[in-house]
């Protein structure tokens, strides 16, 4: 039986439950809806109708105040896409500003990724040694691979 791990992860000033199963991380959208005062039934229907979200969604048992209960979970990498689709006109007025700010951030991140190839949160990077190490290893590996490929191409051209 696969081991399931639970953790609380920070997300925009709150903590949300993360479930790790088979080395894949999931989040509980119902909890996020409760934090943002969103209608869970409506959001669940939206998840079911979305071809990508519905394919990634699964039901798992998670700890709650009333004990373990089954609930819908989304892969962590789908969280931003789901939240990005929230209609800010249909949220409580006092949370609307935060939802709009989040959506603007999503637009910027997507633009930077597709136009520049990356998007980095410098404030987060400055305080996160583990993230710095991860990025350093990724960049170093990519540069080494690119240089080696170019070197091989150069050597192969000289052999002809």
Protein backbone atom coordinates (compact mmCIF):
# COMPACT_ATOMS: atom_id res chain seq x y z
CA UNK A 1 0.00 0.00 0.00
CA UNK A 2 1.47 3.39 -0.97
CA UNK A 3 2.52 5.70 1.83
CA UNK A 4 0.53 8.92 2.06
CA UNK A 5 2.09 11.99 3.66
CA UNK A 6 0.35 15.20 4.70
CA UNK A 7 1.86 18.65 5.09
CA UNK A 8 0.70 22.23 5.40
CA UNK A 9 2.18 24.51 2.74
CA UNK A 10 2.09 28.31 2.74
CA UNK A 11 -0.03 29.84 0.00
CA UNK A 12 -0.72 33.57 -0.25
CA UNK A 13 -0.78 34.18 3.49
CA UNK A 14 -2.61 30.98 4.44
CA UNK A 15 -1.74 27.32 4.82
CA UNK A 16 -3.28 24.64 2.67
CA UNK A 17 -3.13 20.89 3.05
CA UNK A 18 -0.78 19.05 0.73
CA UNK A 19 -1.13 15.30 0.23
CA UNK A 20 1.80 13.32 -1.18
CA UNK A 21 1.03 9.92 -2.65
CA UNK A 22 3.38 7.91 -4.87
CA UNK A 23 5.80 10.89 -4.83
CA UNK A 24 3.14 13.18 -6.37
CA UNK A 25 1.80 16.19 -4.44
CA UNK A 26 -1.89 17.10 -4.36
CA UNK A 27 -3.95 19.89 -2.81
CA UNK A 28 -7.52 19.95 -1.52
CA UNK A 29 -9.51 22.50 -3.53
CA UNK A 30 -12.47 22.36 -1.13
CA UNK A 31 -10.25 23.75 1.64
CA UNK A 32 -9.06 26.53 -0.65
CA UNK A 33 -12.67 27.36 -1.54
CA UNK A 34 -13.46 27.63 2.16
CA UNK A 35 -10.45 29.92 2.69
CA UNK A 36 -11.57 32.18 -0.19
CA UNK A 37 -15.28 31.94 0.61
CA UNK A 38 -15.97 30.34 -2.78
CA UNK A 39 -18.89 28.03 -3.49
CA UNK A 40 -17.33 24.55 -3.40
CA UNK A 41 -20.19 22.89 -5.30
CA UNK A 42 -19.78 25.34 -8.19
CA UNK A 43 -16.00 24.93 -8.24
CA UNK A 44 -16.32 21.14 -8.12
CA UNK A 45 -18.59 21.26 -11.17
CA UNK A 46 -16.04 23.51 -12.91
CA UNK A 47 -13.31 20.93 -12.18
CA UNK A 48 -15.50 18.12 -13.56
CA UNK A 49 -16.23 20.09 -16.77
CA UNK A 50 -12.59 21.02 -17.42
CA UNK A 51 -10.86 18.32 -19.50
CA UNK A 52 -7.43 18.89 -17.92
CA UNK A 53 -8.53 19.35 -14.31
CA UNK A 54 -10.97 16.42 -14.39
CA UNK A 55 -8.26 14.14 -15.77
CA UNK A 56 -5.89 15.08 -12.93
CA UNK A 57 -8.46 15.13 -10.13
CA UNK A 58 -8.76 12.17 -7.80
CA UNK A 59 -10.52 11.31 -4.54
CA UNK A 60 -8.43 10.65 -1.43
CA UNK A 61 -8.94 10.42 2.28
CA UNK A 62 -7.59 13.48 4.09
CA UNK A 63 -7.53 14.43 7.75
CA UNK A 64 -10.24 16.85 8.86
CA UNK A 65 -11.54 18.07 12.20
CA UNK A 66 -14.09 15.22 12.06
CA UNK A 67 -11.53 12.53 11.18
CA UNK A 68 -10.39 11.23 7.80
CA UNK A 69 -12.85 11.98 4.98
CA UNK A 70 -12.82 11.41 1.24
CA UNK A 71 -12.47 14.55 -0.86
CA UNK A 72 -11.43 15.68 -4.32
CA UNK A 73 -7.73 16.45 -4.72
CA UNK A 74 -5.88 18.16 -7.56
CA UNK A 75 -2.23 17.68 -8.49
CA UNK A 76 -0.27 20.62 -7.07
CA UNK A 77 0.86 21.69 -10.55
CA UNK A 78 -2.83 22.20 -11.50
CA UNK A 79 -3.55 24.53 -8.58
CA UNK A 80 -2.57 27.75 -10.36
CA UNK A 81 -4.55 26.86 -13.47
CA UNK A 82 -7.67 26.15 -11.42
CA UNK A 83 -7.34 29.35 -9.39
CA UNK A 84 -6.58 31.35 -12.51
CA UNK A 85 -10.02 30.40 -13.82
CA UNK A 86 -11.93 31.83 -10.85
CA UNK A 87 -14.37 34.51 -11.92
CA UNK A 88 -13.41 37.46 -9.70
CA UNK A 89 -16.86 39.02 -10.22
CA UNK A 90 -18.42 36.07 -8.38
CA UNK A 91 -16.33 36.18 -5.19
CA UNK A 92 -17.06 38.03 -1.96
CA UNK A 93 -16.18 41.70 -2.31
CA UNK A 94 -13.65 41.67 0.55
CA UNK A 95 -11.61 38.90 -1.16
CA UNK A 96 -11.99 40.23 -4.73
CA UNK A 97 -8.88 42.42 -4.56
CA UNK A 98 -6.71 39.44 -3.57
CA UNK A 99 -8.16 37.26 -6.35
CA UNK A 100 -7.56 39.99 -8.94
CA UNK A 101 -3.99 40.50 -7.68
CA UNK A 102 -3.39 36.77 -7.95
CA UNK A 103 -4.78 36.65 -11.48
CA UNK A 104 -2.59 39.59 -12.54
CA UNK A 105 0.42 37.75 -11.15
CA UNK A 106 -0.59 34.69 -13.21
CA UNK A 107 -0.74 36.78 -16.39
CA UNK A 108 2.75 38.18 -15.73
CA UNK A 109 4.22 34.76 -14.94
CA UNK A 110 2.76 33.22 -18.10
CA UNK A 111 4.02 36.12 -20.21
CA UNK A 112 7.53 35.87 -18.74
CA UNK A 113 7.63 32.12 -19.21
CA UNK A 114 6.55 32.17 -22.84
CA UNK A 115 8.47 35.32 -23.82
CA UNK A 116 11.63 34.93 -21.74
CA UNK A 117 11.68 31.21 -20.98
CA UNK A 118 11.44 31.64 -17.20
CA UNK A 119 9.71 33.51 -14.41
CA UNK A 120 11.43 33.92 -11.06
CA UNK A 121 10.09 35.34 -7.81
CA UNK A 122 13.24 37.16 -6.67
CA UNK A 123 11.89 37.79 -3.15
CA UNK A 124 11.26 34.08 -2.66
CA UNK A 125 14.58 33.14 -4.25
CA UNK A 126 16.59 35.39 -1.91
CA UNK A 127 15.40 33.59 1.20
CA UNK A 128 15.26 30.01 -0.09
CA UNK A 129 18.64 28.27 -0.22
CA UNK A 130 17.05 25.00 -1.37
CA UNK A 131 15.43 26.78 -4.33
CA UNK A 132 18.70 28.54 -5.16
CA UNK A 133 20.52 25.20 -5.17
CA UNK A 134 17.81 23.63 -7.34
CA UNK A 135 18.01 26.43 -9.92
CA UNK A 136 21.82 26.39 -9.88
CA UNK A 137 21.88 22.62 -10.56
CA UNK A 138 19.30 22.94 -13.36
CA UNK A 139 21.15 25.79 -15.07
CA UNK A 140 24.55 24.13 -14.65
CA UNK A 141 23.24 20.85 -16.11
CA UNK A 142 21.61 22.61 -19.05
CA UNK A 143 24.71 24.69 -19.82
CA UNK A 144 26.93 21.62 -19.61
CA UNK A 145 24.61 19.68 -21.94
CA UNK A 146 24.43 22.56 -24.43
CA UNK A 147 28.20 23.11 -24.42
CA UNK A 148 28.87 19.42 -24.83
CA UNK A 149 26.43 19.18 -27.75
CA UNK A 150 28.00 22.21 -29.43
CA UNK A 151 31.44 20.77 -28.84
CA UNK A 152 30.41 17.45 -30.36
CA UNK A 153 28.95 19.26 -33.37
CA UNK A 154 32.18 21.23 -33.76
CA UNK A 155 34.30 18.08 -33.52
CA UNK A 156 32.04 16.22 -35.98
CA UNK A 157 32.31 19.07 -38.50
CA UNK A 158 36.12 18.88 -38.34
CA UNK A 159 36.09 15.13 -39.07
CA UNK A 160 34.24 15.50 -42.36
